[in-house]
Amino acid sequence: MSIQSSQQQQQGASELRAFMVSALNKAIEVFCSHSEKTLPEVMTNILRTIAEAMDADHIYIERLLGANGKDRLERIYRWEKSDSKLKIEEGKFLIEDTIVAEWISTLRQGGCVNRRLSDMSGDERTMMESFGLKTIVIVPIFIHGEFWGSVVFQYAEDERFFDEDCMDTIKSYARLCANTVIREEMEIEIAKQNEINKKIAKEAAEAEKRTRVMLDAVPLCCQLWTGDYKIIDCNKTALELFGLKSKQEFIETFTKFSPEYQPNGQLSREEGRKYVTKAFEKGRCVFDWTHILTDGALLPVETTLVRVRYKGDYVVVGFTRDLRQIKKMENNILRLESESEKIYYDPLTSIYNRRFFDENLSRVINTLSRSRSVLSLMMIDIDFFKNYNDTYGHSAGDECIKTIAGILSKNTARAGDFVARYGGDEFAVVLPNTEEEGARMMAEKILEDIRGCAMNSEKNGTANNATVSIGVTTGNVKSKHRADDYILRADELLYKSKQGGRDRCTFGRL
């Protein structure tokens, strides 16, 4: 795998994790802000947001129930990508199967099922194929330490695999789904007991307790702000992030965790008030912030403020995402980009080197073969370079190579064309979608520019101009063609230019 591919994968994984956390924020907003909406509306909005982030084909919510003396998972909700609607199901249980039993055992122990078809064999693979699945992800749900059920994500078209960071976010998705079901059931129970006033307060307290369970399960720092810029609540993650022991300590000392000025030069106190005010007025705002921890270390974060109803009034919920790991990954990407330049560039001429040429010529051929497009390849060699080097010295020889590399680069300015140093005094020019006539014009221009450049060195009263010989092959790329086919043919034509007297170009079809 090339450094460039690895870099793209790391960047892609970073973007996926950021997108999934963003989707979690939106789903939490739906959970926190719904009031009159029914469970199907709330669950549909939550699952749609989650499904878009994970690009899942089906999502199932399953609850653990006893049936026929056995613990089994009953499917209670089903969401399908095809119509983006939630369906309520009753009495549907997972099939009784050895593989399913093993999965349930894994879930009971707190593990997740994160499986791709290509990694499976035997009965497990047979079962997946029978349901037309390529990937299955199953996340357990524990409520108050007890195994409650699971959330299942299925993919029928593509294989997917989620790393540990993504799985942590997916677990939060699952907890949010379960808490949505639990809270709706609780609200129904409250409605049934509405005539008994003494139970209303108890049920409301239970609702707040369950909401606390959900917020404490979220891997984001959460706070509640009032309209007069005071914090009235936080979750456990907030205490862990800032190294505090109690909610009261957090409320009393939170403002001390911001430096006097933010990186943009604004006072932290004024900036904080501005964002809280904006959230109350607009309903939502997102911004970057810098905290300072007790050991003096800076903590870069992304904060999302959302206005919600709380105990009959409006408050602002703040979700704080730690960006330290993302910043570290960004720095690694910049480092890899810097290292890739050293890997793919020739240090003497600053043009591409042989490694870049080999990797990218194959890529160009694969791309052009799909449409049988034309490709021209030049192989270029400096004439009598050894004699030139012996006569004028290695420093003059290096200057000669750099001058010719500059001329080649100037003549290959079109997007898609590139020039590389193939060897000591040999160069290659790759010209995608260029017919022989266009390649011929470029080769003649290169010969003319090299003849006319100020590269003549004088010694013992004589002058000597460096020249080059060129071999050019052109052909419509077929699926059977390989890079060596073009290189060998261009080398043959280069040899004919040498035999024909040098300082010329020879053309031929592949």
Protein backbone atom coordinates (compact mmCIF):
# COMPACT_ATOMS: atom_id res chain seq x y z
CA MET A 1 0.00 0.00 0.00
CA SER A 2 1.41 3.42 -0.93
CA ILE A 3 1.93 6.21 1.57
CA GLN A 4 -0.67 8.19 -0.35
CA SER A 5 -3.28 5.40 0.01
CA SER A 6 -2.50 5.00 3.72
CA GLN A 7 -2.82 8.75 4.14
CA GLN A 8 -6.18 8.77 2.35
CA GLN A 9 -7.43 5.88 4.52
CA GLN A 10 -6.40 7.69 7.72
CA GLN A 11 -8.06 10.87 6.56
CA GLY A 12 -11.15 8.92 5.49
CA ALA A 13 -11.35 7.17 8.89
CA SER A 14 -10.95 10.53 10.67
CA GLU A 15 -13.74 12.08 8.59
CA LEU A 16 -16.05 9.07 9.24
CA ARG A 17 -15.55 9.29 13.02
CA ALA A 18 -16.19 13.04 13.00
CA PHE A 19 -19.34 12.56 10.87
CA MET A 20 -20.65 9.82 13.19
CA VAL A 21 -20.12 11.98 16.29
CA SER A 22 -21.90 14.85 14.54
CA ALA A 23 -24.82 12.50 13.80
CA LEU A 24 -24.87 11.49 17.49
CA ASN A 25 -25.16 15.17 18.47
CA LYS A 26 -28.12 15.60 16.13
CA ALA A 27 -29.80 12.43 17.42
CA ILE A 28 -29.37 13.62 21.02
CA GLU A 29 -30.96 16.94 20.03
CA VAL A 30 -34.00 15.02 18.76
CA PHE A 31 -34.14 13.01 21.99
CA CYS A 32 -33.81 16.05 24.26
CA SER A 33 -36.15 18.40 22.40
CA HIS A 34 -39.20 16.23 21.58
CA SER A 35 -42.31 16.85 23.62
CA GLU A 36 -45.60 16.24 21.86
CA LYS A 37 -44.20 13.93 19.20
CA THR A 38 -45.03 10.23 19.35
CA LEU A 39 -42.44 7.48 19.72
CA PRO A 40 -42.53 6.51 16.00
CA GLU A 41 -41.81 10.13 15.03
CA VAL A 42 -38.95 10.48 17.49
CA MET A 43 -37.49 7.04 16.76
CA THR A 44 -37.79 7.57 13.00
CA ASN A 45 -35.89 10.88 13.23
CA ILE A 46 -33.21 9.35 15.46
CA LEU A 47 -32.76 6.24 13.28
CA ARG A 48 -32.72 8.27 10.07
CA THR A 49 -29.87 10.39 11.46
CA ILE A 50 -27.97 7.30 12.63
CA ALA A 51 -28.56 5.40 9.36
CA GLU A 52 -27.26 8.31 7.29
CA ALA A 53 -24.06 8.39 9.34
CA MET A 54 -23.53 4.60 9.09
CA ASP A 55 -25.15 4.17 5.64
CA ALA A 56 -26.95 1.07 6.98
CA ASP A 57 -29.61 -0.80 4.98
CA HIS A 58 -31.60 -2.05 8.01
CA ILE A 59 -31.65 -1.23 11.72
CA TYR A 60 -33.45 -3.44 14.25
CA ILE A 61 -34.09 -2.81 17.92
CA GLU A 62 -34.43 -6.02 19.91
CA ARG A 63 -35.37 -6.61 23.54
CA LEU A 64 -34.50 -9.56 25.73
CA LEU A 65 -37.62 -11.57 26.70
CA GLY A 66 -38.23 -14.98 28.14
CA ALA A 67 -40.00 -17.42 25.79
CA ASN A 68 -40.55 -21.14 26.29
CA GLY A 69 -38.22 -21.16 29.25
CA LYS A 70 -35.41 -19.53 27.26
CA ASP A 71 -34.05 -16.03 27.02
CA ARG A 72 -34.55 -14.78 23.47
CA LEU A 73 -34.31 -11.49 21.60
CA GLU A 74 -37.64 -10.16 20.34
CA ARG A 75 -37.57 -7.67 17.47
CA ILE A 76 -39.72 -4.66 18.43
CA TYR A 77 -38.73 -2.04 15.83
CA ARG A 78 -37.48 -2.22 12.28
CA TRP A 79 -36.13 0.64 10.12
CA GLU A 80 -35.44 0.21 6.39
CA LYS A 81 -33.31 2.44 4.17
CA SER A 82 -35.58 1.77 1.17
CA ASP A 83 -38.51 3.77 2.55
CA SER A 84 -36.85 5.50 5.55
CA LYS A 85 -39.78 4.51 7.81
CA LEU A 86 -40.04 2.89 11.22
CA LYS A 87 -42.10 -0.29 11.51
CA ILE A 88 -43.39 -1.72 14.79
CA GLU A 89 -43.13 -5.49 15.06
CA GLU A 90 -44.50 -7.87 17.67
CA GLY A 91 -43.79 -11.50 18.40
CA LYS A 92 -40.81 -11.80 16.02
CA PHE A 93 -37.83 -13.53 17.58
CA LEU A 94 -34.34 -14.17 16.27
CA ILE A 95 -34.02 -17.68 14.84
CA GLU A 96 -32.82 -20.35 17.25
CA ASP A 97 -29.45 -21.18 15.82
CA THR A 98 -26.01 -22.13 17.17
CA ILE A 99 -24.42 -19.05 15.59
CA VAL A 100 -27.14 -16.75 16.97
CA ALA A 101 -26.69 -18.33 20.41
CA GLU A 102 -22.95 -17.58 20.24
CA TRP A 103 -23.67 -13.98 19.25
CA ILE A 104 -26.13 -13.55 22.16
CA SER A 105 -23.52 -14.97 24.54
CA THR A 106 -21.01 -12.38 23.25
CA LEU A 107 -23.57 -9.59 23.75
CA ARG A 108 -24.37 -10.71 27.31
CA GLN A 109 -20.66 -10.38 28.17
CA GLY A 110 -20.60 -6.82 26.86
CA GLY A 111 -18.99 -7.61 23.50
CA CYS A 112 -20.14 -6.50 20.06
CA VAL A 113 -20.64 -8.42 16.84
CA ASN A 114 -18.74 -6.61 14.06
CA ARG A 115 -18.59 -9.13 11.22
CA ARG A 116 -18.02 -9.07 7.46
CA LEU A 117 -18.96 -11.87 5.09
CA SER A 118 -15.42 -12.18 3.75
CA ASP A 119 -14.16 -12.92 7.29
CA MET A 120 -16.73 -15.70 7.87
CA SER A 121 -16.75 -19.39 7.07
CA GLY A 122 -18.86 -22.47 7.69
CA ASP A 123 -22.32 -22.16 9.22
CA GLU A 124 -21.84 -18.47 10.03
CA ARG A 125 -21.17 -17.62 6.39
CA THR A 126 -24.03 -19.85 5.19
CA MET A 127 -26.47 -18.08 7.50
CA MET A 128 -25.33 -14.62 6.33
CA GLU A 129 -25.62 -15.62 2.68
CA SER A 130 -29.11 -17.03 3.24
CA PHE A 131 -30.24 -13.58 4.42
CA GLY A 132 -28.33 -11.78 1.64
CA LEU A 133 -26.07 -9.90 4.07
CA LYS A 134 -22.52 -8.61 3.56
CA THR A 135 -21.98 -7.05 7.00
CA ILE A 136 -23.70 -7.23 10.41
CA VAL A 137 -23.01 -5.08 13.48
CA ILE A 138 -24.82 -5.92 16.76
CA VAL A 139 -24.37 -3.73 19.86
CA PRO A 140 -25.58 -4.82 23.33
CA ILE A 141 -27.70 -2.56 25.53
CA PHE A 142 -27.27 -2.61 29.31
CA ILE A 143 -29.66 -0.70 31.56
CA HIS A 144 -28.62 -0.38 35.23
CA GLY A 145 -26.03 -3.10 34.62
CA GLU A 146 -28.57 -5.60 33.22
CA PHE A 147 -28.56 -6.87 29.64
CA TRP A 148 -31.62 -5.17 28.08
CA GLY A 149 -31.35 -6.07 24.40
CA SER A 150 -29.47 -5.03 21.29
CA VAL A 151 -29.46 -2.80 18.23
CA VAL A 152 -28.63 -4.48 14.91
CA PHE A 153 -27.19 -2.74 11.82
CA GLN A 154 -27.26 -4.73 8.55
CA TYR A 155 -25.63 -4.14 5.15
CA ALA A 156 -26.75 -6.05 2.07
CA GLU A 157 -24.69 -4.25 -0.58
CA ASP A 158 -21.23 -3.53 0.84
CA GLU A 159 -18.84 -4.91 3.41
CA ARG A 160 -18.10 -2.52 6.26
CA PHE A 161 -15.77 -2.63 9.26
CA PHE A 162 -15.76 -0.07 12.05
CA ASP A 163 -12.70 0.64 14.22
CA GLU A 164 -12.82 0.97 18.03
CA ASP A 165 -13.50 4.73 18.00
CA CYS A 166 -16.43 4.25 15.61
CA MET A 167 -17.76 1.34 17.69
CA ASP A 168 -17.77 3.56 20.81
CA THR A 169 -19.98 6.03 18.94
CA ILE A 170 -22.19 3.19 17.66
CA LYS A 171 -22.64 2.00 21.27
CA SER A 172 -23.87 5.49 22.14
CA TYR A 173 -26.30 5.26 19.18
CA ALA A 174 -27.62 2.01 20.63
CA ARG A 175 -28.01 3.42 24.15
CA LEU A 176 -29.88 6.41 22.74
CA CYS A 177 -32.31 4.12 20.86
CA ALA A 178 -32.96 2.04 23.97
CA ASN A 179 -33.46 5.13 26.14
CA THR A 180 -35.91 6.50 23.59
CA VAL A 181 -37.98 3.31 23.88
CA ILE A 182 -37.67 3.31 27.65
CA ARG A 183 -38.65 6.93 28.01
CA GLU A 184 -41.69 6.50 25.76
CA GLU A 185 -42.81 3.48 27.76
CA MET A 186 -42.34 5.48 30.93
CA GLU A 187 -44.38 8.39 29.55
CA ILE A 188 -47.18 6.01 28.60
CA GLU A 189 -47.15 4.66 32.11
CA ILE A 190 -47.29 8.20 33.49
CA ALA A 191 -50.30 8.91 31.27
CA LYS A 192 -52.05 5.79 32.60
CA GLN A 193 -51.39 6.87 36.17
CA ASN A 194 -52.17 10.54 35.51
CA GLU A 195 -55.32 10.36 37.67
CA ILE A 196 -53.23 9.44 40.67
CA ASN A 197 -51.51 12.74 41.39
CA LYS A 198 -49.20 11.36 44.05
CA LYS A 199 -47.47 9.16 41.46
CA ILE A 200 -46.80 11.94 38.96
CA ALA A 201 -43.84 13.33 40.90
CA LYS A 202 -42.33 9.88 41.32
CA GLU A 203 -42.64 9.09 37.62
CA ALA A 204 -41.15 12.48 36.67
CA ALA A 205 -38.19 11.81 38.96
CA GLU A 206 -37.74 8.42 37.26
CA ALA A 207 -37.81 10.11 33.87
CA GLU A 208 -35.03 12.47 34.94
CA LYS A 209 -33.06 9.56 36.35
CA ARG A 210 -33.28 7.68 33.07
CA THR A 211 -32.31 10.78 31.14
CA ARG A 212 -29.30 11.01 33.47
CA VAL A 213 -28.40 7.41 32.58
CA MET A 214 -28.50 8.33 28.90
CA LEU A 215 -26.44 11.51 29.30
CA ASP A 216 -23.84 9.74 31.45
CA ALA A 217 -23.51 7.08 28.75
CA VAL A 218 -22.74 9.66 26.05
CA PRO A 219 -18.95 9.91 25.37
CA LEU A 220 -19.20 13.71 25.20
CA CYS A 221 -18.95 16.34 27.92
CA CYS A 222 -22.49 17.69 28.51
CA GLN A 223 -23.58 20.76 30.51
CA LEU A 224 -26.85 22.65 31.04
CA TRP A 225 -26.69 26.47 30.86
CA THR A 226 -29.36 28.90 32.02
CA GLY A 227 -30.22 32.21 30.38
CA ASP A 228 -28.07 34.12 32.90
CA TYR A 229 -24.93 32.16 31.88
CA LYS A 230 -24.89 29.74 34.82
CA ILE A 231 -24.23 25.99 34.69
CA ILE A 232 -26.84 23.98 36.56
CA ASP A 233 -25.93 20.41 35.58
CA CYS A 234 -23.33 18.20 33.87
CA ASN A 235 -22.72 14.50 33.14
CA LYS A 236 -20.02 12.10 34.31
CA THR A 237 -17.97 12.53 31.15
CA ALA A 238 -17.64 16.24 31.97
CA LEU A 239 -16.19 15.40 35.38
CA GLU A 240 -13.76 12.89 33.84
CA LEU A 241 -12.62 15.28 31.10
CA PHE A 242 -11.67 18.04 33.57
CA GLY A 243 -10.52 15.73 36.38
CA LEU A 244 -13.19 16.76 38.90
CA LYS A 245 -14.91 14.69 41.58
CA SER A 246 -18.41 16.16 41.88
CA LYS A 247 -21.04 18.03 39.93
CA GLN A 248 -20.94 20.88 42.44
CA GLU A 249 -17.20 21.27 41.96
CA PHE A 250 -17.75 21.43 38.20
CA ILE A 251 -20.45 24.10 38.55
CA GLU A 252 -18.29 26.23 40.86
CA THR A 253 -14.98 25.98 38.95
CA PHE A 254 -15.90 25.51 35.28
CA THR A 255 -15.09 29.10 34.24
CA LYS A 256 -11.55 28.64 35.60
CA PHE A 257 -10.89 26.06 32.87
CA SER A 258 -10.89 28.74 30.16
CA PRO A 259 -7.81 30.95 29.65
CA GLU A 260 -8.32 34.70 29.81
CA TYR A 261 -8.15 34.96 26.00
CA GLN A 262 -9.13 32.54 23.25
CA PRO A 263 -6.72 31.89 20.30
CA ASN A 264 -8.67 34.49 18.24
CA GLY A 265 -7.61 37.18 20.73
CA GLN A 266 -11.10 37.62 22.27
CA LEU A 267 -11.80 37.50 26.00
CA SER A 268 -13.10 34.05 26.96
CA ARG A 269 -15.76 35.51 29.24
CA GLU A 270 -17.20 37.71 26.46
CA GLU A 271 -16.97 34.98 23.81
CA GLY A 272 -18.74 32.47 26.06
CA ARG A 273 -21.64 34.84 26.77
CA LYS A 274 -21.91 35.61 23.05
CA TYR A 275 -22.28 31.93 22.10
CA VAL A 276 -24.79 31.11 24.89
CA THR A 277 -26.89 34.14 23.85
CA LYS A 278 -26.75 33.03 20.22
CA ALA A 279 -27.92 29.52 21.17
CA PHE A 280 -30.92 30.92 23.08
CA GLU A 281 -31.81 33.20 20.17
CA LYS A 282 -31.11 30.90 17.21
CA GLY A 283 -31.67 27.49 18.82
CA ARG A 284 -28.23 26.12 17.99
CA CYS A 285 -24.60 27.13 17.41
CA VAL A 286 -21.28 25.32 16.94
CA PHE A 287 -17.82 26.76 17.62
CA ASP A 288 -14.23 25.86 18.48
CA TRP A 289 -12.97 26.57 21.98
CA THR A 290 -9.78 26.15 23.98
CA HIS A 291 -9.81 25.08 27.64
CA ILE A 292 -6.84 24.87 29.98
CA LEU A 293 -6.54 21.88 32.35
CA THR A 294 -5.23 21.91 35.90
CA ASP A 295 -1.75 20.81 34.74
CA GLY A 296 -1.57 23.76 32.33
CA ALA A 297 -2.17 21.65 29.19
CA LEU A 298 -4.39 23.19 26.51
CA LEU A 299 -7.56 21.28 25.57
CA PRO A 300 -8.92 22.09 22.07
CA VAL A 301 -12.62 21.21 21.73
CA GLU A 302 -15.62 21.62 19.46
CA THR A 303 -18.71 22.77 21.36
CA THR A 304 -22.31 22.49 20.20
CA LEU A 305 -24.97 24.49 22.09
CA VAL A 306 -28.64 23.49 21.65
CA ARG A 307 -31.71 25.20 23.15
CA VAL A 308 -34.15 22.71 24.75
CA ARG A 309 -37.13 22.65 27.12
CA TYR A 310 -36.22 21.68 30.67
CA LYS A 311 -38.60 21.74 33.65
CA GLY A 312 -41.00 24.12 31.96
CA ASP A 313 -38.34 26.58 30.80
CA TYR A 314 -35.61 26.86 28.16
CA VAL A 315 -32.01 25.94 28.85
CA VAL A 316 -29.02 25.38 26.60
CA VAL A 317 -27.38 21.96 26.43
CA GLY A 318 -23.66 22.09 25.65
CA PHE A 319 -21.95 19.09 23.99
CA THR A 320 -18.14 19.32 24.08
CA ARG A 321 -16.03 17.09 21.82
CA ASP A 322 -12.35 16.59 22.69
CA LEU A 323 -10.29 17.41 19.56
CA ARG A 324 -6.88 16.39 20.86
CA GLN A 325 -6.86 13.06 19.03
CA ILE A 326 -8.13 14.66 15.82
CA LYS A 327 -5.47 17.38 16.04
CA LYS A 328 -2.85 14.67 16.53
CA MET A 329 -4.11 12.83 13.45
CA GLU A 330 -4.05 16.05 11.42
CA ASN A 331 -0.43 16.61 12.44
CA ASN A 332 0.40 13.03 11.44
CA ILE A 333 -1.19 13.60 8.03
CA LEU A 334 0.91 16.75 7.52
CA ARG A 335 4.00 14.78 8.51
CA LEU A 336 3.15 12.01 6.07
CA GLU A 337 2.61 14.56 3.30
CA SER A 338 6.05 15.99 4.01
CA GLU A 339 7.60 12.51 3.99
CA SER A 340 5.80 11.56 0.77
CA GLU A 341 7.50 14.45 -0.99
CA LYS A 342 10.87 12.97 -0.05
CA ILE A 343 9.76 9.54 -1.30
CA TYR A 344 8.38 10.61 -4.69
CA TYR A 345 10.69 13.48 -5.69
CA ASP A 346 14.23 13.42 -7.08
CA PRO A 347 16.46 15.50 -4.74
CA LEU A 348 18.71 16.84 -7.55
CA THR A 349 16.08 17.99 -10.05
CA SER A 350 12.96 18.33 -7.84
CA ILE A 351 10.92 16.42 -10.46
CA TYR A 352 9.30 13.04 -9.85
CA ASN A 353 11.57 10.03 -9.37
CA ARG A 354 11.55 6.44 -10.66
CA ARG A 355 9.30 5.23 -7.82
CA PHE A 356 6.58 7.75 -8.65
CA PHE A 357 6.91 6.93 -12.35
CA ASP A 358 6.47 3.17 -11.80
CA GLU A 359 3.44 3.54 -9.53
CA ASN A 360 1.64 6.19 -11.54
CA LEU A 361 2.29 4.84 -15.05
CA SER A 362 0.50 1.63 -14.00
CA ARG A 363 -2.35 3.69 -12.56
CA VAL A 364 -2.64 5.77 -15.76
CA ILE A 365 -2.69 2.63 -17.92
CA ASN A 366 -5.43 1.04 -15.78
CA THR A 367 -7.54 4.19 -16.03
CA LEU A 368 -7.12 4.66 -19.79
CA SER A 369 -7.78 0.97 -20.53
CA ARG A 370 -11.42 1.33 -19.43
CA SER A 371 -12.15 3.58 -22.42
CA ARG A 372 -9.26 2.42 -24.66
CA SER A 373 -7.93 5.97 -24.63
CA VAL A 374 -4.57 6.80 -26.19
CA LEU A 375 -1.27 7.11 -24.30
CA SER A 376 2.11 8.41 -25.47
CA LEU A 377 5.34 7.68 -23.57
CA MET A 378 8.73 9.35 -24.15
CA MET A 379 12.03 7.87 -23.02
CA ILE A 380 14.82 10.50 -23.15
CA ASP A 381 18.58 10.03 -22.74
CA ILE A 382 21.36 12.65 -22.66
CA ASP A 383 23.82 12.05 -25.52
CA PHE A 384 27.43 11.22 -24.57
CA PHE A 385 26.70 12.21 -20.97
CA LYS A 386 29.66 10.23 -19.60
CA ASN A 387 32.05 12.16 -21.85
CA TYR A 388 30.34 15.41 -20.82
CA ASN A 389 30.76 14.48 -17.16
CA ASP A 390 34.40 13.42 -17.59
CA THR A 391 35.23 16.58 -19.54
CA TYR A 392 33.47 19.25 -17.46
CA GLY A 393 33.18 17.55 -14.06
CA HIS A 394 30.32 16.22 -11.96
CA SER A 395 29.10 19.66 -10.91
CA ALA A 396 28.64 20.67 -14.54
CA GLY A 397 27.00 17.30 -15.16
CA ASP A 398 24.52 17.91 -12.35
CA GLU A 399 23.73 21.36 -13.75
CA CYS A 400 23.17 19.79 -17.16
CA ILE A 401 20.69 17.27 -15.70
CA LYS A 402 18.84 19.99 -13.78
CA THR A 403 18.62 22.23 -16.85
CA ILE A 404 17.17 19.45 -19.01
CA ALA A 405 14.72 18.49 -16.22
CA GLY A 406 13.54 22.11 -16.14
CA ILE A 407 12.99 22.14 -19.92
CA LEU A 408 10.98 18.90 -19.75
CA SER A 409 8.85 20.23 -16.89
CA LYS A 410 8.13 23.45 -18.79
CA ASN A 411 6.91 21.45 -21.79
CA THR A 412 4.64 19.15 -19.75
CA ALA A 413 2.42 21.73 -18.06
CA ARG A 414 -0.88 20.12 -19.12
CA ALA A 415 -2.95 18.51 -16.33
CA GLY A 416 -2.34 14.76 -16.27
CA ASP A 417 1.09 14.90 -17.98
CA PHE A 418 4.16 14.31 -15.84
CA VAL A 419 7.94 13.98 -16.21
CA ALA A 420 10.21 11.81 -14.06
CA ARG A 421 13.91 11.14 -13.73
CA TYR A 422 14.08 7.48 -14.80
CA GLY A 423 17.79 6.93 -14.13
CA GLY A 424 21.10 8.80 -13.94
CA ASP A 425 20.84 10.72 -17.24
CA GLU A 426 17.56 9.26 -18.47
CA PHE A 427 14.08 10.79 -18.23
CA ALA A 428 10.51 9.68 -18.95
CA VAL A 429 7.53 11.79 -20.01
CA VAL A 430 4.00 10.37 -19.64
CA LEU A 431 1.33 11.94 -21.89
CA PRO A 432 -2.21 10.56 -21.31
CA ASN A 433 -4.77 11.21 -24.08
CA THR A 434 -2.03 12.44 -26.48
CA GLU A 435 -1.88 11.17 -30.08
CA GLU A 436 1.38 10.75 -32.00
CA GLU A 437 1.03 14.16 -33.67
CA GLY A 438 0.83 15.93 -30.32
CA ALA A 439 3.73 13.89 -28.92
CA ARG A 440 5.79 14.64 -32.03
CA MET A 441 5.25 18.40 -31.64
CA MET A 442 6.29 18.23 -27.99
CA ALA A 443 9.40 16.13 -28.74
CA GLU A 444 10.55 18.55 -31.46
CA LYS A 445 10.00 21.47 -29.09
CA ILE A 446 12.06 19.73 -26.38
CA LEU A 447 14.94 19.08 -28.82
CA GLU A 448 14.85 22.70 -29.97
CA ASP A 449 14.79 24.10 -26.43
CA ILE A 450 17.73 21.92 -25.34
CA ARG A 451 19.80 22.92 -28.40
CA GLY A 452 19.14 26.58 -27.69
CA CYS A 453 19.67 26.60 -23.92
CA ALA A 454 22.72 28.18 -22.29
CA MET A 455 24.30 24.86 -21.44
CA ASN A 456 27.48 25.02 -23.50
CA SER A 457 30.64 24.75 -21.40
CA GLU A 458 34.02 25.83 -22.68
CA LYS A 459 37.31 24.09 -22.05
CA ASN A 460 40.59 24.38 -23.93
CA GLY A 461 39.01 26.94 -26.28
CA THR A 462 36.20 24.67 -27.52
CA ALA A 463 32.43 24.71 -26.85
CA ASN A 464 30.17 21.70 -26.44
CA ASN A 465 26.34 21.67 -26.30
CA ALA A 466 24.53 18.83 -24.56
CA THR A 467 21.83 17.13 -26.66
CA VAL A 468 19.30 14.34 -26.07
CA SER A 469 17.87 11.38 -27.98
CA ILE A 470 14.18 10.55 -27.68
CA GLY A 471 12.06 7.45 -28.29
CA VAL A 472 8.28 7.92 -28.39
CA THR A 473 5.63 5.19 -28.51
CA THR A 474 1.89 5.82 -28.87
CA GLY A 475 -0.99 3.37 -28.56
CA ASN A 476 -4.60 2.88 -27.54
CA VAL A 477 -4.46 1.30 -24.09
CA LYS A 478 -6.01 -2.17 -23.82
CA SER A 479 -6.77 -4.17 -20.71
CA LYS A 480 -3.87 -6.55 -21.49
CA HIS A 481 -1.31 -3.72 -21.64
CA ARG A 482 1.19 -3.25 -18.85
CA ALA A 483 3.68 -0.50 -18.05
CA ASP A 484 6.62 -2.59 -19.36
CA ASP A 485 4.94 -2.84 -22.79
CA TYR A 486 5.21 0.92 -23.24
CA ILE A 487 8.64 1.24 -21.60
CA LEU A 488 10.29 -1.50 -23.70
CA ARG A 489 8.82 -0.13 -26.94
CA ALA A 490 9.93 3.43 -26.13
CA ASP A 491 13.42 2.13 -25.24
CA GLU A 492 13.67 0.39 -28.64
CA LEU A 493 12.79 3.64 -30.38
CA LEU A 494 15.28 5.54 -28.19
CA TYR A 495 18.00 3.10 -29.29
CA LYS A 496 17.12 3.80 -32.95
CA SER A 497 17.54 7.53 -32.29
CA LYS A 498 21.01 6.81 -30.88
CA GLN A 499 21.90 4.66 -33.89
CA GLY A 500 20.57 7.33 -36.27
CA GLY A 501 23.01 9.97 -35.07
CA ARG A 502 21.52 11.21 -31.77
CA ASP A 503 19.94 14.65 -31.15
CA ARG A 504 16.69 13.40 -32.68
CA CYS A 505 13.44 11.56 -31.91
CA THR A 506 12.02 8.31 -33.30
CA PHE A 507 8.30 7.45 -33.21
CA GLY A 508 6.39 4.17 -33.33
CA ARG A 509 3.04 2.59 -32.40
CA LEU A 510 2.67 0.05 -29.65
